[in-house]
C-alpha atoms as a PDB file:
ATOM      1  CA  MET A   1      -0.077   0.029   0.280  1.00  0.00           C
ATOM      2  CA  ARG A   2       2.737   2.170   0.769  1.00  0.00           C
ATOM      3  CA  THR A   3       4.355   1.423  -2.755  1.00  0.00           C
ATOM      4  CA  ASN A   4       0.761   2.400  -4.294  1.00  0.00           C
ATOM      5  CA  LEU A   5       0.866   5.530  -2.257  1.00  0.00           C
ATOM      6  CA  MET A   6       4.249   6.710  -3.488  1.00  0.00           C
ATOM      7  CA  ASN A   7       3.726   5.685  -6.947  1.00  0.00           C
ATOM      8  CA  ALA A   8       0.513   7.110  -6.943  1.00  0.00           C
ATOM      9  CA  GLY A   9       2.468  10.206  -5.436  1.00  0.00           C
ATOM     10  CA  CYS A  10       4.725  10.231  -8.027  1.00  0.00           C
ATOM     11  CA  ARG A  11       2.349  10.097 -10.910  1.00  0.00           C
ATOM     12  CA  ALA A  12       0.548  13.275  -9.184  1.00  0.00           C
ATOM     13  CA  MET A  13       4.062  14.916  -9.709  1.00  0.00           C
ATOM     14  CA  HIS A  14       4.706  13.953 -13.029  1.00  0.00           C
ATOM     15  CA  VAL A  15       1.386  15.399 -13.966  1.00  0.00           C
ATOM     16  CA  SER A  16       1.917  18.422 -12.504  1.00  0.00           C
ATOM     17  CA  LEU A  17       5.230  19.036 -14.219  1.00  0.00           C
ATOM     18  CA  LEU A  18       4.268  18.005 -17.079  1.00  0.00           C
ATOM     19  CA  CYS A  19       1.186  20.433 -16.933  1.00  0.00           C
ATOM     20  CA  ALA A  20       4.006  23.059 -16.124  1.00  0.00           C
ATOM     21  CA  ILE A  21       5.394  22.241 -19.196  1.00  0.00           C
ATOM     22  CA  VAL A  22       2.589  22.497 -21.546  1.00  0.00           C
ATOM     23  CA  ALA A  23       1.125  25.301 -19.831  1.00  0.00           C
ATOM     24  CA  ALA A  24       4.439  27.319 -20.370  1.00  0.00           C
ATOM     25  CA  PRO A  25       4.654  27.958 -23.998  1.00  0.00           C
ATOM     26  CA  GLY A  26       0.749  29.584 -23.687  1.00  0.00           C
ATOM     27  CA  CYS A  27       1.729  31.946 -20.675  1.00  0.00           C
ATOM     28  CA  GLU A  28       4.275  33.229 -22.734  1.00  0.00           C
ATOM     29  CA  ARG A  29       2.075  33.276 -25.784  1.00  0.00           C
ATOM     30  CA  SER A  30      -0.148  34.894 -23.898  1.00  0.00           C
ATOM     31  CA  THR A  31       2.830  37.560 -22.293  1.00  0.00           C
ATOM     32  CA  THR A  32       3.942  38.579 -25.887  1.00  0.00           C
ATOM     33  CA  LYS A  33      -0.132  39.412 -27.030  1.00  0.00           C
ATOM     34  CA  VAL A  34      -0.398  41.594 -24.287  1.00  0.00           C
ATOM     35  CA  GLU A  35       2.849  43.280 -25.005  1.00  0.00           C
ATOM     36  CA  LEU A  36       1.870  43.305 -28.883  1.00  0.00           C
ATOM     37  CA  GLN A  37      -1.379  45.032 -27.903  1.00  0.00           C
ATOM     38  CA  LYS A  38       0.206  47.419 -25.953  1.00  0.00           C
ATOM     39  CA  GLN A  39       3.106  48.420 -28.779  1.00  0.00           C
ATOM     40  CA  VAL A  40      -0.364  48.267 -30.926  1.00  0.00           C
ATOM     41  CA  ASP A  41      -1.663  50.843 -28.732  1.00  0.00           C
ATOM     42  CA  ALA A  42       1.159  53.132 -28.862  1.00  0.00           C
ATOM     43  CA  LEU A  43       1.526  53.429 -31.802  1.00  0.00           C
ATOM     44  CA  GLN A  44      -2.255  54.020 -32.547  1.00  0.00           C
ATOM     45  CA  VAL A  45      -1.560  56.967 -30.530  1.00  0.00           C
ATOM     46  CA  GLU A  46       1.491  58.200 -31.941  1.00  0.00           C
ATOM     47  CA  ASN A  47      -0.142  58.162 -35.387  1.00  0.00           C
ATOM     48  CA  LYS A  48      -2.870  60.245 -34.014  1.00  0.00           C
ATOM     49  CA  ALA A  49      -0.674  62.928 -32.707  1.00  0.00           C
ATOM     50  CA  LEU A  50       1.417  62.899 -36.051  1.00  0.00           C
ATOM     51  CA  LYS A  51      -2.034  63.227 -37.946  1.00  0.00           C
ATOM     52  CA  ARG A  52      -2.803  66.685 -35.848  1.00  0.00           C
ATOM     53  CA  GLU A  53       0.914  67.867 -36.112  1.00  0.00           C
ATOM     54  CA  ALA A  54      -0.104  67.183 -40.221  1.00  0.00           C
ATOM     55  CA  GLU A  55      -2.903  69.213 -40.290  1.00  0.00           C
ATOM     56  CA  LYS A  56      -1.534  71.944 -38.432  1.00  0.00           C
ATOM     57  CA  HIS A  57       1.679  71.918 -41.047  1.00  0.00           C
ATOM     58  CA  ARG A  58      -1.052  71.841 -43.775  1.00  0.00           C
ATOM     59  CA  ALA A  59      -2.954  74.871 -42.524  1.00  0.00           C
ATOM     60  CA  ASP A  60      -0.303  77.246 -42.209  1.00  0.00           C
ATOM     61  CA  ILE A  61       1.153  76.180 -45.777  1.00  0.00           C
ATOM     62  CA  GLU A  62      -2.379  77.483 -46.514  1.00  0.00           C
ATOM     63  CA  ARG A  63      -2.343  80.456 -44.542  1.00  0.00           C
ATOM     64  CA  LEU A  64       1.513  81.534 -45.806  1.00  0.00           C
ATOM     65  CA  GLU A  65       0.079  80.310 -49.760  1.00  0.00           C
ATOM     66  CA  ALA A  66      -2.863  82.848 -49.483  1.00  0.00           C
ATOM     67  CA  GLN A  67      -0.514  85.860 -48.092  1.00  0.00           C
ATOM     68  CA  VAL A  68       1.613  84.583 -51.366  1.00  0.00           C
ATOM     69  CA  VAL A  69      -1.332  85.684 -53.547  1.00  0.00           C
ATOM     70  CA  ASN A  70      -2.632  88.794 -51.527  1.00  0.00           C
ATOM     71  CA  LEU A  71       1.092  90.035 -51.928  1.00  0.00           C
ATOM     72  CA  GLN A  72       1.281  89.168 -55.389  1.00  0.00           C
ATOM     73  CA  THR A  73      -2.701  90.625 -56.125  1.00  0.00           C
ATOM     74  CA  PHE A  74      -0.876  94.427 -55.193  1.00  0.00           C
ATOM     75  CA  SER A  75      -0.513  96.460 -58.189  1.00  0.00           C
ATOM     76  CA  ASP A  76       2.398  97.879 -56.663  1.00  0.00           C
ATOM     77  CA  PRO A  77       4.213  94.995 -54.286  1.00  0.00           C
ATOM     78  CA  ALA A  78       6.210  98.339 -52.871  1.00  0.00           C
ATOM     79  CA  GLY A  79       3.318  99.530 -51.441  1.00  0.00           C
ATOM     80  CA  ALA A  80       3.602  97.259 -48.799  1.00  0.00           C
ATOM     81  CA  ARG A  81       6.317  98.996 -47.390  1.00  0.00           C
ATOM     82  CA  MET A  82       4.566 102.271 -47.170  1.00  0.00           C
ATOM     83  CA  PHE A  83       4.803 102.200 -43.686  1.00  0.00           C
ATOM     84  CA  SER A  84       7.968 100.447 -43.306  1.00  0.00           C
ATOM     85  CA  PRO A  85      10.884 102.933 -41.098  1.00  0.00           C
ATOM     86  CA  VAL A  86      13.482 104.295 -43.824  1.00  0.00           C
ATOM     87  CA  ASN A  87      15.347 106.591 -41.527  1.00  0.00           C
ATOM     88  CA  LEU A  88      16.460 106.860 -37.979  1.00  0.00           C
ATOM     89  CA  GLU A  89      17.009 109.602 -35.439  1.00  0.00           C
ATOM     90  CA  ILE A  90      18.979 109.456 -32.279  1.00  0.00           C
ATOM     91  CA  LEU A  91      16.909 112.208 -30.041  1.00  0.00           C
ATOM     92  CA  SER A  92      18.999 115.117 -27.958  1.00  0.00           C
ATOM     93  CA  LEU A  93      18.132 113.388 -24.838  1.00  0.00           C
ATOM     94  CA  SER A  94      20.669 110.812 -25.577  1.00  0.00           C
ATOM     95  CA  ARG A  95      23.655 111.554 -23.076  1.00  0.00           C
ATOM     96  CA  GLY A  96      25.990 109.859 -20.417  1.00  0.00           C
ATOM     97  CA  ALA A  97      24.475 108.861 -17.324  1.00  0.00           C
ATOM     98  CA  ASP A  98      25.181 107.995 -14.088  1.00  0.00           C
ATOM     99  CA  TYR A  99      24.076 104.318 -12.951  1.00  0.00           C
ATOM    100  CA  ASP A 100      25.743 103.226  -9.965  1.00  0.00           C
ATOM    101  CA  GLY A 101      25.113 106.779  -7.799  1.00  0.00           C
ATOM    102  CA  ALA A 102      28.790 107.555  -7.431  1.00  0.00           C
ATOM    103  CA  PRO A 103      30.460 110.820  -9.261  1.00  0.00           C
ATOM    104  CA  GLY A 104      30.666 111.198 -12.599  1.00  0.00           C
ATOM    105  CA  ASP A 105      28.933 108.941 -15.521  1.00  0.00           C
ATOM    106  CA  ASP A 106      29.401 105.549 -16.046  1.00  0.00           C
ATOM    107  CA  GLY A 107      27.786 104.725 -19.427  1.00  0.00           C
ATOM    108  CA  VAL A 108      25.778 106.553 -21.899  1.00  0.00           C
ATOM    109  CA  THR A 109      21.621 106.266 -22.283  1.00  0.00           C
ATOM    110  CA  VAL A 110      21.019 106.291 -25.865  1.00  0.00           C
ATOM    111  CA  HIS A 111      17.338 107.187 -27.188  1.00  0.00           C
ATOM    112  CA  PHE A 112      16.120 106.526 -30.452  1.00  0.00           C
ATOM    113  CA  ARG A 113      13.057 106.173 -33.201  1.00  0.00           C
ATOM    114  CA  PRO A 114      12.632 104.760 -36.324  1.00  0.00           C
ATOM    115  CA  LEU A 115      10.716 107.406 -39.009  1.00  0.00           C
ATOM    116  CA  ASP A 116       8.907 106.481 -42.239  1.00  0.00           C
ATOM    117  CA  ALA A 117       9.276 108.316 -45.673  1.00  0.00           C
ATOM    118  CA  GLU A 118       6.946 111.019 -44.052  1.00  0.00           C
ATOM    119  CA  GLY A 119       8.851 111.923 -41.204  1.00  0.00           C
ATOM    120  CA  ASN A 120       6.434 109.717 -38.487  1.00  0.00           C
ATOM    121  CA  VAL A 121       7.803 107.679 -35.925  1.00  0.00           C
ATOM    122  CA  VAL A 122       7.040 104.022 -36.926  1.00  0.00           C
ATOM    123  CA  THR A 123       6.447 101.282 -34.142  1.00  0.00           C
ATOM    124  CA  VAL A 124       8.429  98.447 -35.282  1.00  0.00           C
ATOM    125  CA  GLY A 125      10.948  95.569 -33.861  1.00  0.00           C
ATOM    126  CA  GLY A 126      14.260  95.303 -35.218  1.00  0.00           C
ATOM    127  CA  ARG A 127      17.598  93.852 -34.343  1.00  0.00           C
ATOM    128  CA  ILE A 128      19.481  96.904 -32.456  1.00  0.00           C
ATOM    129  CA  SER A 129      23.002  97.360 -31.927  1.00  0.00           C
ATOM    130  CA  VAL A 130      24.686 100.601 -30.463  1.00  0.00           C
ATOM    131  CA  GLN A 131      28.319 101.342 -29.767  1.00  0.00           C
ATOM    132  CA  VAL A 132      29.671 104.518 -27.779  1.00  0.00           C
ATOM    133  CA  VAL A 133      32.982 105.402 -29.338  1.00  0.00           C
ATOM    134  CA  ASP A 134      35.439 107.643 -27.684  1.00  0.00           C
ATOM    135  CA  ASN A 135      37.510 109.405 -29.939  1.00  0.00           C
ATOM    136  CA  SER A 136      39.489 111.578 -28.152  1.00  0.00           C
ATOM    137  CA  VAL A 137      42.860 110.280 -30.210  1.00  0.00           C
ATOM    138  CA  MET A 138      43.288 111.292 -32.980  1.00  0.00           C
ATOM    139  CA  GLY A 139      43.028 107.711 -35.399  1.00  0.00           C
ATOM    140  CA  GLU A 140      42.450 105.509 -33.027  1.00  0.00           C
ATOM    141  CA  PRO A 141      38.566 105.091 -31.920  1.00  0.00           C
ATOM    142  CA  ARG A 142      37.956 102.797 -29.021  1.00  0.00           C
ATOM    143  CA  VAL A 143      34.573 101.307 -28.236  1.00  0.00           C
ATOM    144  CA  VAL A 144      33.674 102.156 -24.745  1.00  0.00           C
ATOM    145  CA  ALA A 145      30.007 100.212 -24.752  1.00  0.00           C
ATOM    146  CA  LEU A 146      28.548  98.067 -26.941  1.00  0.00           C
ATOM    147  CA  VAL A 147      24.851  96.688 -26.544  1.00  0.00           C
ATOM    148  CA  GLU A 148      22.926  94.280 -28.793  1.00  0.00           C
ATOM    149  CA  LEU A 149      19.613  92.844 -28.746  1.00  0.00           C
ATOM    150  CA  ALA A 150      18.104  90.562 -30.714  1.00  0.00           C
ATOM    151  CA  ASP A 151      16.035  89.012 -28.602  1.00  0.00           C
ATOM    152  CA  PRO A 152      12.111  89.964 -29.761  1.00  0.00           C
ATOM    153  CA  LYS A 153      11.594  90.233 -25.962  1.00  0.00           C
ATOM    154  CA  GLU A 154      14.480  92.154 -24.851  1.00  0.00           C
ATOM    155  CA  VAL A 155      13.877  94.844 -27.894  1.00  0.00           C
ATOM    156  CA  LYS A 156      10.126  94.978 -26.597  1.00  0.00           C
ATOM    157  CA  GLU A 157      10.894  95.889 -23.482  1.00  0.00           C
ATOM    158  CA  ALA A 158      13.351  98.979 -24.729  1.00  0.00           C
ATOM    159  CA  TRP A 159      10.478  99.991 -26.678  1.00  0.00           C
ATOM    160  CA  HIS A 160       8.664 103.218 -24.393  1.00  0.00           C
ATOM    161  CA  SER A 161       5.696 104.425 -26.038  1.00  0.00           C
ATOM    162  CA  LYS A 162       3.929 106.347 -23.016  1.00  0.00           C
ATOM    163  CA  PHE A 163       3.353 110.180 -21.848  1.00  0.00           C
ATOM    164  CA  LEU A 164       4.693 111.809 -24.784  1.00  0.00           C
ATOM    165  CA  THR A 165       7.536 108.900 -25.601  1.00  0.00           C
ATOM    166  CA  ASN A 166       7.369 107.160 -28.353  1.00  0.00           C
ATOM    167  CA  GLN A 167      11.197 105.633 -28.900  1.00  0.00           C
ATOM    168  CA  TYR A 168      13.923 103.121 -27.931  1.00  0.00           C
ATOM    169  CA  THR A 169      15.927 103.454 -24.740  1.00  0.00           C
ATOM    170  CA  VAL A 170      18.988 101.642 -24.220  1.00  0.00           C
ATOM    171  CA  LYS A 171      21.209 101.715 -21.508  1.00  0.00           C
ATOM    172  CA  CYS A 172      25.217 100.972 -22.320  1.00  0.00           C
ATOM    173  CA  ARG A 173      27.118 100.502 -19.393  1.00  0.00           C
ATOM    174  CA  PHE A 174      30.785 100.771 -19.660  1.00  0.00           C
ATOM    175  CA  PRO A 175      32.454  97.578 -18.403  1.00  0.00           C
ATOM    176  CA  GLN A 176      34.361  97.573 -14.869  1.00  0.00           C
ATOM    177  CA  ASP A 177      37.459  96.006 -16.471  1.00  0.00           C
ATOM    178  CA  GLN A 178      38.113  98.493 -19.194  1.00  0.00           C
ATOM    179  CA  PRO A 179      39.641 101.950 -19.102  1.00  0.00           C
ATOM    180  CA  ARG A 180      36.552 104.823 -18.361  1.00  0.00           C
ATOM    181  CA  PRO A 181      36.636 107.523 -21.177  1.00  0.00           C
ATOM    182  CA  VAL A 182      37.920 111.208 -20.435  1.00  0.00           C
ATOM    183  CA  ALA A 183      36.436 112.956 -23.391  1.00  0.00           C
ATOM    184  CA  ARG A 184      33.350 114.606 -21.970  1.00  0.00           C
ATOM    185  CA  ARG A 185      32.040 114.235 -25.926  1.00  0.00           C
ATOM    186  CA  LEU A 186      31.517 110.593 -27.275  1.00  0.00           C
ATOM    187  CA  ASP A 187      29.829 109.622 -30.642  1.00  0.00           C
ATOM    188  CA  VAL A 188      27.151 106.900 -30.409  1.00  0.00           C
ATOM    189  CA  LYS A 189      26.550 104.697 -33.289  1.00  0.00           C
ATOM    190  CA  VAL A 190      22.729 102.756 -33.759  1.00  0.00           C
ATOM    191  CA  ALA A 191      22.265 100.010 -36.060  1.00  0.00           C
ATOM    192  CA  PHE A 192      18.937  98.753 -36.483  1.00  0.00           C
ATOM    193  CA  VAL A 193      17.269  96.028 -38.578  1.00  0.00           C
ATOM    194  CA  ASP A 194      13.812  95.871 -39.590  1.00  0.00           C
ATOM    195  CA  TYR A 195      12.113  92.451 -38.325  1.00  0.00           C
ATOM    196  CA  LEU A 196       9.686  92.756 -41.230  1.00  0.00           C
ATOM    197  CA  THR A 197      11.897  94.187 -44.239  1.00  0.00           C
ATOM    198  CA  GLY A 198      15.165  93.767 -42.968  1.00  0.00           C
ATOM    199  CA  ASN A 199      15.997  96.736 -44.183  1.00  0.00           C
ATOM    200  CA  PRO A 200      19.376  98.264 -42.188  1.00  0.00           C
ATOM    201  CA  LEU A 201      19.128 101.396 -40.838  1.00  0.00           C
ATOM    202  CA  GLN A 202      22.057 103.277 -39.155  1.00  0.00           C
ATOM    203  CA  ALA A 203      22.298 106.400 -37.239  1.00  0.00           C
ATOM    204  CA  SER A 204      25.206 108.667 -35.604  1.00  0.00           C
ATOM    205  CA  ARG A 205      25.517 111.127 -32.817  1.00  0.00           C
ATOM    206  CA  THR A 206      27.952 113.159 -30.666  1.00  0.00           C
ATOM    207  CA  VAL A 207      26.369 113.198 -27.121  1.00  0.00           C
ATOM    208  CA  ASP A 208      27.636 114.914 -23.909  1.00  0.00           C
ATOM    209  CA  PHE A 209      29.481 113.419 -21.112  1.00  0.00           C
ATOM    210  CA  THR A 210      30.976 113.530 -17.833  1.00  0.00           C
ATOM    211  CA  PRO A 211      33.707 112.132 -16.569  1.00  0.00           C
ATOM    212  CA  ALA A 212      34.502 110.942 -13.132  1.00  0.00           C
ATOM    213  CA  PRO A 213      35.698 113.874 -10.751  1.00  0.00           C
ATOM    214  CA  GLY A 214      39.837 114.013 -10.542  1.00  0.00           C
ATOM    215  CA  VAL A 215      39.928 112.534 -14.338  1.00  0.00           C
ATOM    216  CA  ASP A 216      40.632 115.161 -16.835  1.00  0.00           C
ATOM    217  CA  ALA A 217      42.010 115.836 -20.102  1.00  0.00           C
ATOM    218  CA  SER A 218      45.866 114.419 -19.429  1.00  0.00           C
ATOM    219  CA  ASP A 219      44.333 111.326 -18.685  1.00  0.00           C
ATOM    220  CA  ALA A 220      43.804 110.185 -22.810  1.00  0.00           C
ATOM    221  CA  PRO A 221      45.549 107.147 -23.319  1.00  0.00           C
ATOM    222  CA  SER A 222      47.744 107.947 -25.447  1.00  0.00           C
ATOM    223  CA  GLY A 223      49.054 110.895 -23.923  1.00  0.00           C
ATOM    224  CA  GLU A 224      47.981 113.040 -25.779  1.00  0.00           C
ATOM    225  CA  THR A 225      46.462 116.632 -23.475  1.00  0.00           C
ATOM    226  CA  LEU A 226      42.673 117.249 -24.741  1.00  0.00           C
ATOM    227  CA  ALA A 227      41.018 120.322 -24.570  1.00  0.00           C
ATOM    228  CA  LYS A 228      38.598 121.087 -21.676  1.00  0.00           C
ATOM    229  CA  ASP A 229      35.467 120.496 -23.651  1.00  0.00           C
ATOM    230  CA  GLY A 230      37.319 117.027 -24.395  1.00  0.00           C
ATOM    231  CA  GLN A 231      38.397 117.320 -27.860  1.00  0.00           C
ATOM    232  CA  ARG A 232      41.884 117.696 -29.255  1.00  0.00           C
ATOM    233  CA  PRO A 233      43.510 120.982 -29.662  1.00  0.00           C
ATOM    234  CA  ASN A 234      42.831 122.873 -32.687  1.00  0.00           C
ATOM    235  CA  SER A 235      40.369 120.465 -33.769  1.00  0.00           C
ATOM    236  CA  PRO A 236      37.065 121.074 -35.646  1.00  0.00           C
ATOM    237  CA  THR A 237      33.911 121.446 -33.898  1.00  0.00           C
ATOM    238  CA  SER A 238      31.901 121.011 -37.196  1.00  0.00           C
ATOM    239  CA  GLY A 239      28.850 118.749 -37.226  1.00  0.00           C
ATOM    240  CA  GLU A 240      28.504 118.687 -33.342  1.00  0.00           C
ATOM    241  CA  GLU A 241      25.616 119.476 -31.313  1.00  0.00           C
ATOM    242  CA  PRO A 242      25.052 122.502 -29.877  1.00  0.00           C
END
């Protein structure tokens, strides 16, 4: 009887092992099917997203094509530029500025505005480059400050149009690791590229500047002595702002 029980136990174990062996491929097939279904679902979601993106691109293309057709129907394509800026004006308010509260100017604040063909101010964005140049040494112009604005957000922040103001304002601080200018008049050069037309505009102006106390004309970088107004002795003053 004990032998029969042992034989029965062995047969039960064999059956269990056989069932496990037979069932294993079925489990694997079931797992593979689930994984494949997940992949199919993911591909379907991705396909829907791509279709939406394609529809958006198609709408953008149709909009741009419509704009091209509209421009082609203009009898005078140049009319589209009628209100575009053609000139740049640096305002007389531009001058040296004290930003740190210490005696003497440590930068220059430049105010300028784009103008159309009729001389009207144009509210338009564009890339901005402002240079402040010290020409106190003959033949050796020195850029003492440079500000470039290309990010549309920065350009927008530089535009002021409240309470009788309608211009760009750019603060040009002198780098702390470079010698300050000693001339009392500095040249400002502004370059502006219209975002819409790509038209480049330029303007320049001489502005007043107040050096720090104790800095006089004899401190010119080349050792050349300047007059009290910051100009070279006997240098022509034509073209200076009054």
